[in-house]
Amino acid sequence: MSALYGSDALGGVVNVITKRASNEWNGSVRAGGSTLIDEDGNTANIEASASGAIIDDKLLMKVTAGQQYQGLVESRNFENETDIAGNRNTFVSAEIKSIISDQQELDFYARYGDSETWYDYVPTSGDGAGQVTRSTNMFETLDYGVTHSGFWGFGDTQLRVYGTRVSQTNEKNIGTPNTANDVDEEWWMDMYSSMPLTPTISL
């Protein structure tokens, strides 16, 4: 996504591998973080998930949510400026599997992500010249889709329909926001694949 929208874009590729839910309900919570002596660049993260059956062997569900935070690191050479930007990433995802029969399954998926990156600087000209300015880039994504899987005598089939909505904006506490990387787009895609049974001949 950064290559598509420029060096200031916040997007990226997120590869999420999830374990299939079972009938038994279970959950987990993980948290961590770090604190530095000068308090610059402190980090914190938390993630929670729960999964189980709404209807045993028929309707399974998994929900996951989390947040990661890293504070900005102030410049050691220039007062009121930033060496490393601060960032906060939040996400919520839900998966539902409907087992229609031994031959057919439906999978529904949705994931919302909200990211912010901020840094301080002092403009030398234009709006806010000479004043400490905080620039914040905000990036939102919504991924969703449905997959039908078929397991037939002649082989397996899969039909997927999925989409993504992306929004990116910039805010400043002083001066005019940078709109060069603003994005508000949505994509739809569909894909059909089949895995035919390879015939065998015995002599």
C-alpha atoms as a PDB file:
ATOM      1  CA  MET A   1       0.000   0.000   0.000  1.00  0.00           C
ATOM      2  CA  SER A   2       2.879   2.404   0.724  1.00  0.00           C
ATOM      3  CA  ALA A   3       4.229   1.851  -2.759  1.00  0.00           C
ATOM      4  CA  LEU A   4       0.810   2.664  -4.181  1.00  0.00           C
ATOM      5  CA  TYR A   5       0.075   5.815  -2.205  1.00  0.00           C
ATOM      6  CA  GLY A   6       3.532   7.290  -1.516  1.00  0.00           C
ATOM      7  CA  SER A   7       6.107   7.303   1.257  1.00  0.00           C
ATOM      8  CA  ASP A   8       3.754   9.004   3.737  1.00  0.00           C
ATOM      9  CA  ALA A   9       1.059   6.358   3.304  1.00  0.00           C
ATOM     10  CA  LEU A  10       0.307   4.227   6.337  1.00  0.00           C
ATOM     11  CA  GLY A  11      -0.897   1.132   4.544  1.00  0.00           C
ATOM     12  CA  GLY A  12       0.800  -2.226   4.553  1.00  0.00           C
ATOM     13  CA  VAL A  13       0.196  -5.893   4.025  1.00  0.00           C
ATOM     14  CA  VAL A  14      -1.104  -7.787   7.018  1.00  0.00           C
ATOM     15  CA  ASN A  15      -0.951 -11.562   6.873  1.00  0.00           C
ATOM     16  CA  VAL A  16      -3.238 -13.123   9.452  1.00  0.00           C
ATOM     17  CA  ILE A  17      -3.232 -16.887   9.980  1.00  0.00           C
ATOM     18  CA  THR A  18      -6.025 -18.062  12.218  1.00  0.00           C
ATOM     19  CA  LYS A  19      -6.818 -21.423  13.760  1.00  0.00           C
ATOM     20  CA  ARG A  20     -10.207 -22.904  12.912  1.00  0.00           C
ATOM     21  CA  ALA A  21     -12.753 -22.624  15.720  1.00  0.00           C
ATOM     22  CA  SER A  22     -14.039 -25.771  17.439  1.00  0.00           C
ATOM     23  CA  ASN A  23     -17.299 -26.555  19.245  1.00  0.00           C
ATOM     24  CA  GLU A  24     -15.781 -25.795  22.642  1.00  0.00           C
ATOM     25  CA  TRP A  25     -15.692 -22.124  23.602  1.00  0.00           C
ATOM     26  CA  ASN A  26     -12.303 -20.789  24.615  1.00  0.00           C
ATOM     27  CA  GLY A  27     -10.496 -17.469  24.707  1.00  0.00           C
ATOM     28  CA  SER A  28      -7.177 -15.820  25.357  1.00  0.00           C
ATOM     29  CA  VAL A  29      -5.729 -12.440  26.323  1.00  0.00           C
ATOM     30  CA  ARG A  30      -2.157 -11.333  25.699  1.00  0.00           C
ATOM     31  CA  ALA A  31      -0.553  -8.053  26.761  1.00  0.00           C
ATOM     32  CA  GLY A  32       2.907  -6.550  26.853  1.00  0.00           C
ATOM     33  CA  GLY A  33       4.889  -3.354  26.654  1.00  0.00           C
ATOM     34  CA  SER A  34       8.082  -1.536  27.473  1.00  0.00           C
ATOM     35  CA  THR A  35       9.043   1.717  29.203  1.00  0.00           C
ATOM     36  CA  LEU A  36      12.229   3.624  28.464  1.00  0.00           C
ATOM     37  CA  ILE A  37      14.028   5.841  30.956  1.00  0.00           C
ATOM     38  CA  ASP A  38      13.326   9.075  29.073  1.00  0.00           C
ATOM     39  CA  GLU A  39       9.764   7.914  28.267  1.00  0.00           C
ATOM     40  CA  ASP A  40      10.285   8.330  24.508  1.00  0.00           C
ATOM     41  CA  GLY A  41       9.209   5.370  22.394  1.00  0.00           C
ATOM     42  CA  ASN A  42       7.242   3.551  25.103  1.00  0.00           C
ATOM     43  CA  THR A  43       5.316   0.573  23.729  1.00  0.00           C
ATOM     44  CA  ALA A  44       2.172  -1.309  24.732  1.00  0.00           C
ATOM     45  CA  ASN A  45       0.097  -4.025  23.105  1.00  0.00           C
ATOM     46  CA  ILE A  46      -2.930  -6.124  23.941  1.00  0.00           C
ATOM     47  CA  GLU A  47      -4.863  -8.769  22.022  1.00  0.00           C
ATOM     48  CA  ALA A  48      -7.922 -10.809  22.996  1.00  0.00           C
ATOM     49  CA  SER A  49      -9.790 -13.556  21.170  1.00  0.00           C
ATOM     50  CA  ALA A  50     -12.725 -15.898  21.722  1.00  0.00           C
ATOM     51  CA  SER A  51     -14.025 -18.766  19.607  1.00  0.00           C
ATOM     52  CA  GLY A  52     -16.542 -21.569  19.745  1.00  0.00           C
ATOM     53  CA  ALA A  53     -19.741 -22.990  18.336  1.00  0.00           C
ATOM     54  CA  ILE A  54     -23.010 -21.102  18.119  1.00  0.00           C
ATOM     55  CA  ILE A  55     -24.551 -24.382  16.929  1.00  0.00           C
ATOM     56  CA  ASP A  56     -22.386 -27.462  17.451  1.00  0.00           C
ATOM     57  CA  ASP A  57     -20.894 -28.809  14.219  1.00  0.00           C
ATOM     58  CA  LYS A  58     -23.003 -26.339  12.203  1.00  0.00           C
ATOM     59  CA  LEU A  59     -22.102 -22.730  13.011  1.00  0.00           C
ATOM     60  CA  LEU A  60     -18.690 -21.732  14.385  1.00  0.00           C
ATOM     61  CA  MET A  61     -17.454 -18.256  15.302  1.00  0.00           C
ATOM     62  CA  LYS A  62     -14.202 -16.495  16.164  1.00  0.00           C
ATOM     63  CA  VAL A  63     -13.718 -12.869  17.288  1.00  0.00           C
ATOM     64  CA  THR A  64     -10.355 -11.156  17.774  1.00  0.00           C
ATOM     65  CA  ALA A  65      -9.441  -7.595  18.791  1.00  0.00           C
ATOM     66  CA  GLY A  66      -6.208  -5.854  19.653  1.00  0.00           C
ATOM     67  CA  GLN A  67      -4.196  -2.668  19.830  1.00  0.00           C
ATOM     68  CA  GLN A  68      -0.510  -1.791  19.498  1.00  0.00           C
ATOM     69  CA  TYR A  69       0.999   1.526  20.594  1.00  0.00           C
ATOM     70  CA  GLN A  70       4.424   3.132  20.325  1.00  0.00           C
ATOM     71  CA  GLY A  71       5.171   6.650  21.502  1.00  0.00           C
ATOM     72  CA  LEU A  72       7.164   9.043  19.354  1.00  0.00           C
ATOM     73  CA  VAL A  73      10.877   9.629  19.924  1.00  0.00           C
ATOM     74  CA  GLU A  74      11.882  13.274  20.130  1.00  0.00           C
ATOM     75  CA  SER A  75      14.838  14.552  18.141  1.00  0.00           C
ATOM     76  CA  ARG A  76      18.103  14.737  20.055  1.00  0.00           C
ATOM     77  CA  ASN A  77      19.427  17.404  17.702  1.00  0.00           C
ATOM     78  CA  PHE A  78      16.442  19.666  17.007  1.00  0.00           C
ATOM     79  CA  GLU A  79      14.160  20.879  19.790  1.00  0.00           C
ATOM     80  CA  ASN A  80      10.421  20.154  19.377  1.00  0.00           C
ATOM     81  CA  GLU A  81      10.972  17.837  16.406  1.00  0.00           C
ATOM     82  CA  THR A  82      10.612  14.071  16.033  1.00  0.00           C
ATOM     83  CA  ASP A  83      13.177  11.403  15.144  1.00  0.00           C
ATOM     84  CA  ILE A  84      10.729   8.456  15.126  1.00  0.00           C
ATOM     85  CA  ALA A  85       6.985   8.930  14.678  1.00  0.00           C
ATOM     86  CA  GLY A  86       4.522   7.565  17.217  1.00  0.00           C
ATOM     87  CA  ASN A  87       1.861   5.116  16.071  1.00  0.00           C
ATOM     88  CA  ARG A  88      -1.262   3.337  17.261  1.00  0.00           C
ATOM     89  CA  ASN A  89      -2.870   0.379  15.460  1.00  0.00           C
ATOM     90  CA  THR A  90      -6.260  -1.055  16.434  1.00  0.00           C
ATOM     91  CA  PHE A  91      -8.153  -3.937  14.822  1.00  0.00           C
ATOM     92  CA  VAL A  92     -11.294  -6.029  15.273  1.00  0.00           C
ATOM     93  CA  SER A  93     -12.030  -9.152  13.226  1.00  0.00           C
ATOM     94  CA  ALA A  94     -14.823 -11.706  13.093  1.00  0.00           C
ATOM     95  CA  GLU A  95     -15.097 -15.043  11.304  1.00  0.00           C
ATOM     96  CA  ILE A  96     -18.166 -17.261  10.970  1.00  0.00           C
ATOM     97  CA  LYS A  97     -18.169 -20.732   9.431  1.00  0.00           C
ATOM     98  CA  SER A  98     -21.434 -22.347   8.393  1.00  0.00           C
ATOM     99  CA  ILE A  99     -21.159 -26.091   7.785  1.00  0.00           C
ATOM    100  CA  ILE A 100     -24.098 -26.711   5.475  1.00  0.00           C
ATOM    101  CA  SER A 101     -23.381 -30.399   4.924  1.00  0.00           C
ATOM    102  CA  ASP A 102     -20.488 -32.805   4.529  1.00  0.00           C
ATOM    103  CA  GLN A 103     -20.085 -31.382   1.025  1.00  0.00           C
ATOM    104  CA  GLN A 104     -20.576 -27.634   1.500  1.00  0.00           C
ATOM    105  CA  GLU A 105     -19.258 -24.872   3.784  1.00  0.00           C
ATOM    106  CA  LEU A 106     -19.703 -21.087   3.887  1.00  0.00           C
ATOM    107  CA  ASP A 107     -17.119 -18.795   5.493  1.00  0.00           C
ATOM    108  CA  PHE A 108     -17.846 -15.147   6.337  1.00  0.00           C
ATOM    109  CA  TYR A 109     -15.041 -12.758   7.284  1.00  0.00           C
ATOM    110  CA  ALA A 110     -14.759  -9.090   8.288  1.00  0.00           C
ATOM    111  CA  ARG A 111     -11.833  -7.092   9.679  1.00  0.00           C
ATOM    112  CA  TYR A 112     -11.675  -3.418  10.635  1.00  0.00           C
ATOM    113  CA  GLY A 113      -8.350  -1.670  11.144  1.00  0.00           C
ATOM    114  CA  ASP A 114      -7.626   1.845  12.401  1.00  0.00           C
ATOM    115  CA  SER A 115      -4.074   3.239  12.368  1.00  0.00           C
ATOM    116  CA  GLU A 116      -2.617   6.584  13.395  1.00  0.00           C
ATOM    117  CA  THR A 117       0.913   7.914  12.964  1.00  0.00           C
ATOM    118  CA  TRP A 118       1.985  11.283  14.373  1.00  0.00           C
ATOM    119  CA  TYR A 119       5.106  13.413  14.513  1.00  0.00           C
ATOM    120  CA  ASP A 120       6.110  16.954  15.537  1.00  0.00           C
ATOM    121  CA  TYR A 121       8.039  19.501  13.493  1.00  0.00           C
ATOM    122  CA  VAL A 122       8.545  23.265  13.193  1.00  0.00           C
ATOM    123  CA  PRO A 123       7.708  24.746   9.747  1.00  0.00           C
ATOM    124  CA  THR A 124      10.120  27.400   8.515  1.00  0.00           C
ATOM    125  CA  SER A 125       7.556  29.073   6.243  1.00  0.00           C
ATOM    126  CA  GLY A 126       3.836  29.162   5.446  1.00  0.00           C
ATOM    127  CA  ASP A 127       1.042  28.410   7.928  1.00  0.00           C
ATOM    128  CA  GLY A 128       2.360  27.956  11.443  1.00  0.00           C
ATOM    129  CA  ALA A 129       5.913  29.023  10.612  1.00  0.00           C
ATOM    130  CA  GLY A 130       8.068  28.837  13.720  1.00  0.00           C
ATOM    131  CA  GLN A 131       5.408  26.981  15.742  1.00  0.00           C
ATOM    132  CA  VAL A 132       5.510  23.392  16.961  1.00  0.00           C
ATOM    133  CA  THR A 133       3.129  21.507  14.657  1.00  0.00           C
ATOM    134  CA  ARG A 134       1.818  17.979  15.120  1.00  0.00           C
ATOM    135  CA  SER A 135       0.889  16.130  11.927  1.00  0.00           C
ATOM    136  CA  THR A 136      -1.304  13.027  12.282  1.00  0.00           C
ATOM    137  CA  ASN A 137      -1.975  10.557   9.465  1.00  0.00           C
ATOM    138  CA  MET A 138      -5.070   8.380   9.904  1.00  0.00           C
ATOM    139  CA  PHE A 139      -5.618   5.175   7.952  1.00  0.00           C
ATOM    140  CA  GLU A 140      -8.753   2.992   8.078  1.00  0.00           C
ATOM    141  CA  THR A 141      -9.412  -0.311   6.347  1.00  0.00           C
ATOM    142  CA  LEU A 142     -12.421  -2.618   6.181  1.00  0.00           C
ATOM    143  CA  ASP A 143     -11.898  -6.069   4.672  1.00  0.00           C
ATOM    144  CA  TYR A 144     -14.839  -8.416   4.174  1.00  0.00           C
ATOM    145  CA  GLY A 145     -15.671 -11.500   2.200  1.00  0.00           C
ATOM    146  CA  VAL A 146     -17.545 -14.751   1.830  1.00  0.00           C
ATOM    147  CA  THR A 147     -16.224 -18.095   0.580  1.00  0.00           C
ATOM    148  CA  HIS A 148     -18.191 -21.139  -0.562  1.00  0.00           C
ATOM    149  CA  SER A 149     -16.291 -24.423  -0.473  1.00  0.00           C
ATOM    150  CA  GLY A 150     -17.614 -27.562  -2.132  1.00  0.00           C
ATOM    151  CA  PHE A 151     -16.302 -31.092  -1.743  1.00  0.00           C
ATOM    152  CA  TRP A 152     -17.725 -33.186  -4.547  1.00  0.00           C
ATOM    153  CA  GLY A 153     -17.200 -36.611  -6.035  1.00  0.00           C
ATOM    154  CA  PHE A 154     -15.389 -35.117  -9.036  1.00  0.00           C
ATOM    155  CA  GLY A 155     -13.183 -32.822  -6.925  1.00  0.00           C
ATOM    156  CA  ASP A 156     -13.295 -29.652  -4.812  1.00  0.00           C
ATOM    157  CA  THR A 157     -14.494 -26.159  -5.746  1.00  0.00           C
ATOM    158  CA  GLN A 158     -14.157 -22.759  -4.108  1.00  0.00           C
ATOM    159  CA  LEU A 159     -15.931 -19.475  -4.882  1.00  0.00           C
ATOM    160  CA  ARG A 160     -14.768 -16.291  -3.125  1.00  0.00           C
ATOM    161  CA  VAL A 161     -16.215 -12.794  -3.160  1.00  0.00           C
ATOM    162  CA  TYR A 162     -14.388 -10.188  -1.113  1.00  0.00           C
ATOM    163  CA  GLY A 163     -13.800  -6.461  -0.889  1.00  0.00           C
ATOM    164  CA  THR A 164     -11.695  -3.804   0.783  1.00  0.00           C
ATOM    165  CA  ARG A 165     -12.465  -0.226   1.723  1.00  0.00           C
ATOM    166  CA  VAL A 166      -9.566   2.149   2.403  1.00  0.00           C
ATOM    167  CA  SER A 167      -9.587   5.666   3.824  1.00  0.00           C
ATOM    168  CA  GLN A 168      -6.569   7.854   4.589  1.00  0.00           C
ATOM    169  CA  THR A 169      -6.521  11.470   5.820  1.00  0.00           C
ATOM    170  CA  ASN A 170      -4.165  13.919   7.491  1.00  0.00           C
ATOM    171  CA  GLU A 171      -4.752  16.373  10.332  1.00  0.00           C
ATOM    172  CA  LYS A 172      -2.597  19.144  11.792  1.00  0.00           C
ATOM    173  CA  ASN A 173      -3.101  21.154  14.959  1.00  0.00           C
ATOM    174  CA  ILE A 174      -1.692  24.208  13.146  1.00  0.00           C
ATOM    175  CA  GLY A 175      -1.844  25.063   9.461  1.00  0.00           C
ATOM    176  CA  THR A 176      -3.334  23.264   6.474  1.00  0.00           C
ATOM    177  CA  PRO A 177      -3.504  19.434   6.429  1.00  0.00           C
ATOM    178  CA  ASN A 178      -1.546  17.573   3.766  1.00  0.00           C
ATOM    179  CA  THR A 179      -4.114  16.138   1.338  1.00  0.00           C
ATOM    180  CA  ALA A 180      -1.632  14.738  -1.199  1.00  0.00           C
ATOM    181  CA  ASN A 181      -2.071  11.179   0.108  1.00  0.00           C
ATOM    182  CA  ASP A 182      -5.804  11.306   0.908  1.00  0.00           C
ATOM    183  CA  VAL A 183      -7.570   8.112  -0.159  1.00  0.00           C
ATOM    184  CA  ASP A 184     -11.203   6.969  -0.089  1.00  0.00           C
ATOM    185  CA  GLU A 185     -11.634   3.900  -2.266  1.00  0.00           C
ATOM    186  CA  GLU A 186     -13.330   0.512  -2.362  1.00  0.00           C
ATOM    187  CA  TRP A 187     -12.548  -2.638  -4.354  1.00  0.00           C
ATOM    188  CA  TRP A 188     -14.583  -5.752  -5.095  1.00  0.00           C
ATOM    189  CA  MET A 189     -13.104  -9.007  -6.326  1.00  0.00           C
ATOM    190  CA  ASP A 190     -14.334 -12.503  -6.991  1.00  0.00           C
ATOM    191  CA  MET A 191     -12.480 -15.705  -7.678  1.00  0.00           C
ATOM    192  CA  TYR A 192     -13.522 -19.207  -8.652  1.00  0.00           C
ATOM    193  CA  SER A 193     -11.226 -22.186  -8.438  1.00  0.00           C
ATOM    194  CA  SER A 194     -11.677 -25.907  -8.810  1.00  0.00           C
ATOM    195  CA  MET A 195      -9.563 -28.929  -8.052  1.00  0.00           C
ATOM    196  CA  PRO A 196     -10.795 -31.766 -10.287  1.00  0.00           C
ATOM    197  CA  LEU A 197     -10.235 -35.360  -9.315  1.00  0.00           C
ATOM    198  CA  THR A 198      -7.360 -36.897 -11.265  1.00  0.00           C
ATOM    199  CA  PRO A 199      -8.541 -40.148 -12.880  1.00  0.00           C
ATOM    200  CA  THR A 200      -6.486 -43.275 -12.281  1.00  0.00           C
ATOM    201  CA  ILE A 201      -6.340 -46.404 -14.395  1.00  0.00           C
ATOM    202  CA  SER A 202      -5.396 -49.771 -12.930  1.00  0.00           C
ATOM    203  CA  LEU A 203      -4.049 -52.465 -15.230  1.00  0.00           C
END
